[in-house]
Amino acid sequence: DGEVALRARIVETEAYDETDPASHCFRGPTPRNAAMFLSAGHAYVYLNYGIHRCLNIVCGVAGVGSGVLVRAVEPIAGIEEMRRRRGPRGLVGHELSNGPGKVGSALGIDLDLSGHDLATAPLTLHRHAPGAGPEAGDIAVTPRIGITRAVDAPRRFHLRSSPWVSRP
């Protein structure tokens, strides 16, 4: 069918839930954020600034709004396809996917994926094999980026050693 398999390692995230004034689910469910109230393992995709498709992974129980924004990924496979999707600028290195809008573009995230079960194609999420993930000390915890409410909440997590994070 000509489709290229894309694989990437998540290296930066931000957490949001319904008690958080910076969260899309803070004021309860709406047609736009309904996916945030699904059970863990579903996608919530939204449009930021009218152009960037941002991917979140729902992480709570059904009926309770929560999600983890995927802020940056390290490309593993399908890198040329990711570059093609990002446009003609010939992006190289970390600039390819070091921000939530860049992740959405590189991975071909579409608004139709909001509510998608991430255990099924076309977009799947896989855990590290036991013992293969980062050690707790490899993960930095900092305030989130680019928000205007609850700006000091330590809910941004990124791999300290990764050049793919949006900023240290």
C-alpha atoms as a PDB file:
ATOM      1  CA  ASP A   1       0.000   0.000   0.000  1.00  0.00           C
ATOM      2  CA  GLY A   2       3.063   2.273  -0.025  1.00  0.00           C
ATOM      3  CA  GLU A   3       2.707   3.488   3.557  1.00  0.00           C
ATOM      4  CA  VAL A   4       5.907   4.055   5.497  1.00  0.00           C
ATOM      5  CA  ALA A   5       6.035   2.864   9.100  1.00  0.00           C
ATOM      6  CA  LEU A   6       7.039   5.645  11.467  1.00  0.00           C
ATOM      7  CA  ARG A   7       8.510   4.973  14.906  1.00  0.00           C
ATOM      8  CA  ALA A   8       9.567   7.471  17.529  1.00  0.00           C
ATOM      9  CA  ARG A   9      10.537   7.508  21.190  1.00  0.00           C
ATOM     10  CA  ILE A  10       8.704  10.002  23.391  1.00  0.00           C
ATOM     11  CA  VAL A  11      11.322  12.186  25.111  1.00  0.00           C
ATOM     12  CA  GLU A  12       9.253  15.085  26.483  1.00  0.00           C
ATOM     13  CA  THR A  13       5.726  15.347  27.875  1.00  0.00           C
ATOM     14  CA  GLU A  14       3.484  17.605  29.935  1.00  0.00           C
ATOM     15  CA  ALA A  15       0.705  16.396  32.229  1.00  0.00           C
ATOM     16  CA  TYR A  16      -2.780  17.926  32.492  1.00  0.00           C
ATOM     17  CA  ASP A  17      -5.943  16.961  34.371  1.00  0.00           C
ATOM     18  CA  GLU A  18      -9.375  18.333  35.189  1.00  0.00           C
ATOM     19  CA  THR A  19      -8.150  20.026  38.408  1.00  0.00           C
ATOM     20  CA  ASP A  20      -5.604  22.030  36.408  1.00  0.00           C
ATOM     21  CA  PRO A  21      -6.672  25.495  35.167  1.00  0.00           C
ATOM     22  CA  ALA A  22      -4.235  25.143  32.222  1.00  0.00           C
ATOM     23  CA  SER A  23      -5.977  21.969  31.020  1.00  0.00           C
ATOM     24  CA  HIS A  24      -8.513  21.739  28.210  1.00  0.00           C
ATOM     25  CA  CYS A  25     -10.657  19.567  30.502  1.00  0.00           C
ATOM     26  CA  PHE A  26     -10.673  22.008  33.455  1.00  0.00           C
ATOM     27  CA  ARG A  27     -14.249  23.194  32.780  1.00  0.00           C
ATOM     28  CA  GLY A  28     -15.606  19.720  32.066  1.00  0.00           C
ATOM     29  CA  PRO A  29     -16.366  17.749  28.922  1.00  0.00           C
ATOM     30  CA  THR A  30     -17.233  19.483  25.654  1.00  0.00           C
ATOM     31  CA  PRO A  31     -17.442  18.153  22.096  1.00  0.00           C
ATOM     32  CA  ARG A  32     -13.872  19.407  21.511  1.00  0.00           C
ATOM     33  CA  ASN A  33     -12.262  17.772  24.567  1.00  0.00           C
ATOM     34  CA  ALA A  34     -14.504  14.698  24.965  1.00  0.00           C
ATOM     35  CA  ALA A  35     -11.597  12.353  24.207  1.00  0.00           C
ATOM     36  CA  MET A  36      -9.805  13.542  27.375  1.00  0.00           C
ATOM     37  CA  PHE A  37     -12.574  11.880  29.377  1.00  0.00           C
ATOM     38  CA  LEU A  38     -12.104   8.450  27.773  1.00  0.00           C
ATOM     39  CA  SER A  39     -10.128   5.678  29.467  1.00  0.00           C
ATOM     40  CA  ALA A  40      -6.337   5.580  29.477  1.00  0.00           C
ATOM     41  CA  GLY A  41      -4.700   4.725  26.180  1.00  0.00           C
ATOM     42  CA  HIS A  42      -6.805   6.896  23.899  1.00  0.00           C
ATOM     43  CA  ALA A  43      -5.600   9.858  21.856  1.00  0.00           C
ATOM     44  CA  TYR A  44      -6.781  13.416  22.329  1.00  0.00           C
ATOM     45  CA  VAL A  45      -5.805  15.614  19.377  1.00  0.00           C
ATOM     46  CA  TYR A  46      -6.439  19.333  19.186  1.00  0.00           C
ATOM     47  CA  LEU A  47      -5.541  22.191  16.900  1.00  0.00           C
ATOM     48  CA  ASN A  48      -3.235  24.826  18.400  1.00  0.00           C
ATOM     49  CA  TYR A  49      -3.129  28.330  16.858  1.00  0.00           C
ATOM     50  CA  GLY A  50      -5.374  26.987  14.111  1.00  0.00           C
ATOM     51  CA  ILE A  51      -2.521  25.077  12.444  1.00  0.00           C
ATOM     52  CA  HIS A  52      -0.622  22.734  14.789  1.00  0.00           C
ATOM     53  CA  ARG A  53      -2.135  19.317  15.552  1.00  0.00           C
ATOM     54  CA  CYS A  54      -1.072  18.320  19.050  1.00  0.00           C
ATOM     55  CA  LEU A  55      -1.169  14.747  20.353  1.00  0.00           C
ATOM     56  CA  ASN A  56      -2.108  13.885  23.924  1.00  0.00           C
ATOM     57  CA  ILE A  57      -2.341  10.460  25.508  1.00  0.00           C
ATOM     58  CA  VAL A  58      -5.299  10.050  27.844  1.00  0.00           C
ATOM     59  CA  CYS A  59      -4.042   8.573  31.098  1.00  0.00           C
ATOM     60  CA  GLY A  60      -6.922   8.336  33.560  1.00  0.00           C
ATOM     61  CA  VAL A  61     -10.123   6.429  34.125  1.00  0.00           C
ATOM     62  CA  ALA A  62     -13.156   6.972  31.926  1.00  0.00           C
ATOM     63  CA  GLY A  63     -15.132  10.025  32.998  1.00  0.00           C
ATOM     64  CA  VAL A  64     -12.175  11.819  34.610  1.00  0.00           C
ATOM     65  CA  GLY A  65     -10.374  14.240  32.299  1.00  0.00           C
ATOM     66  CA  SER A  66      -6.619  13.839  31.979  1.00  0.00           C
ATOM     67  CA  GLY A  67      -3.908  13.697  29.379  1.00  0.00           C
ATOM     68  CA  VAL A  68      -0.225  13.849  28.649  1.00  0.00           C
ATOM     69  CA  LEU A  69       0.833  16.168  25.842  1.00  0.00           C
ATOM     70  CA  VAL A  70       3.575  14.668  23.673  1.00  0.00           C
ATOM     71  CA  ARG A  71       5.946  17.649  23.396  1.00  0.00           C
ATOM     72  CA  ALA A  72       8.887  15.988  21.628  1.00  0.00           C
ATOM     73  CA  VAL A  73       9.912  12.670  20.107  1.00  0.00           C
ATOM     74  CA  GLU A  74      13.170  11.145  18.906  1.00  0.00           C
ATOM     75  CA  PRO A  75      12.619   9.639  15.441  1.00  0.00           C
ATOM     76  CA  ILE A  76      13.569   5.956  15.214  1.00  0.00           C
ATOM     77  CA  ALA A  77      12.242   4.805  11.815  1.00  0.00           C
ATOM     78  CA  GLY A  78      10.691   6.534   8.823  1.00  0.00           C
ATOM     79  CA  ILE A  79      12.798   9.656   9.296  1.00  0.00           C
ATOM     80  CA  GLU A  80      12.764  10.617   5.608  1.00  0.00           C
ATOM     81  CA  GLU A  81       8.962  10.418   5.602  1.00  0.00           C
ATOM     82  CA  MET A  82       8.861  12.603   8.722  1.00  0.00           C
ATOM     83  CA  ARG A  83      11.074  15.162   6.951  1.00  0.00           C
ATOM     84  CA  ARG A  84       8.793  15.086   3.910  1.00  0.00           C
ATOM     85  CA  ARG A  85       5.764  15.711   6.117  1.00  0.00           C
ATOM     86  CA  ARG A  86       7.485  18.639   7.832  1.00  0.00           C
ATOM     87  CA  GLY A  87       7.996  20.402   4.524  1.00  0.00           C
ATOM     88  CA  PRO A  88      10.621  21.449   2.013  1.00  0.00           C
ATOM     89  CA  ARG A  89      12.958  23.193   4.453  1.00  0.00           C
ATOM     90  CA  GLY A  90      15.214  20.136   4.747  1.00  0.00           C
ATOM     91  CA  LEU A  91      14.981  19.858   8.511  1.00  0.00           C
ATOM     92  CA  VAL A  92      17.708  17.875  10.167  1.00  0.00           C
ATOM     93  CA  GLY A  93      18.425  16.739  13.691  1.00  0.00           C
ATOM     94  CA  HIS A  94      16.300  17.698  16.645  1.00  0.00           C
ATOM     95  CA  GLU A  95      14.424  20.447  14.753  1.00  0.00           C
ATOM     96  CA  LEU A  96      12.392  17.708  13.094  1.00  0.00           C
ATOM     97  CA  SER A  97      10.259  16.873  16.145  1.00  0.00           C
ATOM     98  CA  ASN A  98      11.227  19.034  19.138  1.00  0.00           C
ATOM     99  CA  GLY A  99       7.876  20.635  19.881  1.00  0.00           C
ATOM    100  CA  PRO A 100       4.245  19.503  20.011  1.00  0.00           C
ATOM    101  CA  GLY A 101       3.298  21.032  16.654  1.00  0.00           C
ATOM    102  CA  LYS A 102       6.390  19.534  15.039  1.00  0.00           C
ATOM    103  CA  VAL A 103       5.506  16.116  16.492  1.00  0.00           C
ATOM    104  CA  GLY A 104       2.014  16.336  15.009  1.00  0.00           C
ATOM    105  CA  SER A 105       3.330  17.305  11.606  1.00  0.00           C
ATOM    106  CA  ALA A 106       6.202  14.776  11.498  1.00  0.00           C
ATOM    107  CA  LEU A 107       3.975  11.884  12.572  1.00  0.00           C
ATOM    108  CA  GLY A 108       1.031  12.909  10.386  1.00  0.00           C
ATOM    109  CA  ILE A 109      -1.315  13.354  13.343  1.00  0.00           C
ATOM    110  CA  ASP A 110      -4.816  14.247  12.183  1.00  0.00           C
ATOM    111  CA  LEU A 111      -7.769  15.595  14.147  1.00  0.00           C
ATOM    112  CA  ASP A 112      -9.686  12.447  13.185  1.00  0.00           C
ATOM    113  CA  LEU A 113      -7.387  10.503  15.546  1.00  0.00           C
ATOM    114  CA  SER A 114      -8.915  12.188  18.593  1.00  0.00           C
ATOM    115  CA  GLY A 115     -10.607   9.408  20.551  1.00  0.00           C
ATOM    116  CA  HIS A 116      -8.549   6.713  18.804  1.00  0.00           C
ATOM    117  CA  ASP A 117      -7.560   3.654  20.879  1.00  0.00           C
ATOM    118  CA  LEU A 118      -3.745   3.688  20.852  1.00  0.00           C
ATOM    119  CA  ALA A 119      -3.633  -0.115  21.034  1.00  0.00           C
ATOM    120  CA  THR A 120      -4.876  -0.271  17.423  1.00  0.00           C
ATOM    121  CA  ALA A 121      -3.662   0.878  13.993  1.00  0.00           C
ATOM    122  CA  PRO A 122      -3.039   3.310  12.459  1.00  0.00           C
ATOM    123  CA  LEU A 123      -1.447   4.943  15.523  1.00  0.00           C
ATOM    124  CA  THR A 124      -0.149   2.722  18.305  1.00  0.00           C
ATOM    125  CA  LEU A 125       1.689   3.327  21.554  1.00  0.00           C
ATOM    126  CA  HIS A 126       4.164   0.768  22.899  1.00  0.00           C
ATOM    127  CA  ARG A 127       5.893   0.578  26.269  1.00  0.00           C
ATOM    128  CA  HIS A 128       9.589  -0.052  26.718  1.00  0.00           C
ATOM    129  CA  ALA A 129      10.546  -3.643  27.406  1.00  0.00           C
ATOM    130  CA  PRO A 130      11.075  -4.202  31.134  1.00  0.00           C
ATOM    131  CA  GLY A 131      14.409  -2.693  32.133  1.00  0.00           C
ATOM    132  CA  ALA A 132      14.851  -0.909  28.783  1.00  0.00           C
ATOM    133  CA  GLY A 133      13.372   2.456  29.744  1.00  0.00           C
ATOM    134  CA  PRO A 134      15.117   5.400  31.337  1.00  0.00           C
ATOM    135  CA  GLU A 135      16.130   5.429  34.990  1.00  0.00           C
ATOM    136  CA  ALA A 136      14.225   7.839  37.248  1.00  0.00           C
ATOM    137  CA  GLY A 137      17.338  10.017  37.534  1.00  0.00           C
ATOM    138  CA  ASP A 138      17.411  10.445  33.749  1.00  0.00           C
ATOM    139  CA  ILE A 139      14.070  12.281  33.818  1.00  0.00           C
ATOM    140  CA  ALA A 140      13.939  16.011  34.569  1.00  0.00           C
ATOM    141  CA  VAL A 141      10.789  17.505  36.109  1.00  0.00           C
ATOM    142  CA  THR A 142      10.183  21.192  35.358  1.00  0.00           C
ATOM    143  CA  PRO A 143       7.358  23.711  34.954  1.00  0.00           C
ATOM    144  CA  ARG A 144       5.399  23.460  31.711  1.00  0.00           C
ATOM    145  CA  ILE A 145       6.106  25.616  28.667  1.00  0.00           C
ATOM    146  CA  GLY A 146       3.881  28.002  26.718  1.00  0.00           C
ATOM    147  CA  ILE A 147       0.935  28.253  29.096  1.00  0.00           C
ATOM    148  CA  THR A 148      -0.520  31.201  31.002  1.00  0.00           C
ATOM    149  CA  ARG A 149      -2.187  29.417  33.941  1.00  0.00           C
ATOM    150  CA  ALA A 150      -0.582  27.215  36.594  1.00  0.00           C
ATOM    151  CA  VAL A 151       2.751  28.084  35.010  1.00  0.00           C
ATOM    152  CA  ASP A 152       4.854  26.900  37.957  1.00  0.00           C
ATOM    153  CA  ALA A 153       3.301  23.432  38.261  1.00  0.00           C
ATOM    154  CA  PRO A 154       6.088  20.820  37.899  1.00  0.00           C
ATOM    155  CA  ARG A 155       4.295  18.787  35.233  1.00  0.00           C
ATOM    156  CA  ARG A 156       6.779  18.757  32.365  1.00  0.00           C
ATOM    157  CA  PHE A 157       8.933  15.645  32.078  1.00  0.00           C
ATOM    158  CA  HIS A 158      11.843  15.149  29.699  1.00  0.00           C
ATOM    159  CA  LEU A 159      14.912  12.994  29.236  1.00  0.00           C
ATOM    160  CA  ARG A 160      17.872  15.005  30.509  1.00  0.00           C
ATOM    161  CA  SER A 161      20.297  13.652  27.918  1.00  0.00           C
ATOM    162  CA  SER A 162      18.048  13.935  24.866  1.00  0.00           C
ATOM    163  CA  PRO A 163      18.888  16.539  22.213  1.00  0.00           C
ATOM    164  CA  TRP A 164      15.319  16.132  20.938  1.00  0.00           C
ATOM    165  CA  VAL A 165      13.561  18.009  23.774  1.00  0.00           C
ATOM    166  CA  SER A 166      12.050  21.382  22.895  1.00  0.00           C
ATOM    167  CA  ARG A 167      14.213  23.139  25.479  1.00  0.00           C
ATOM    168  CA  PRO A 168      16.271  22.025  28.506  1.00  0.00           C
END
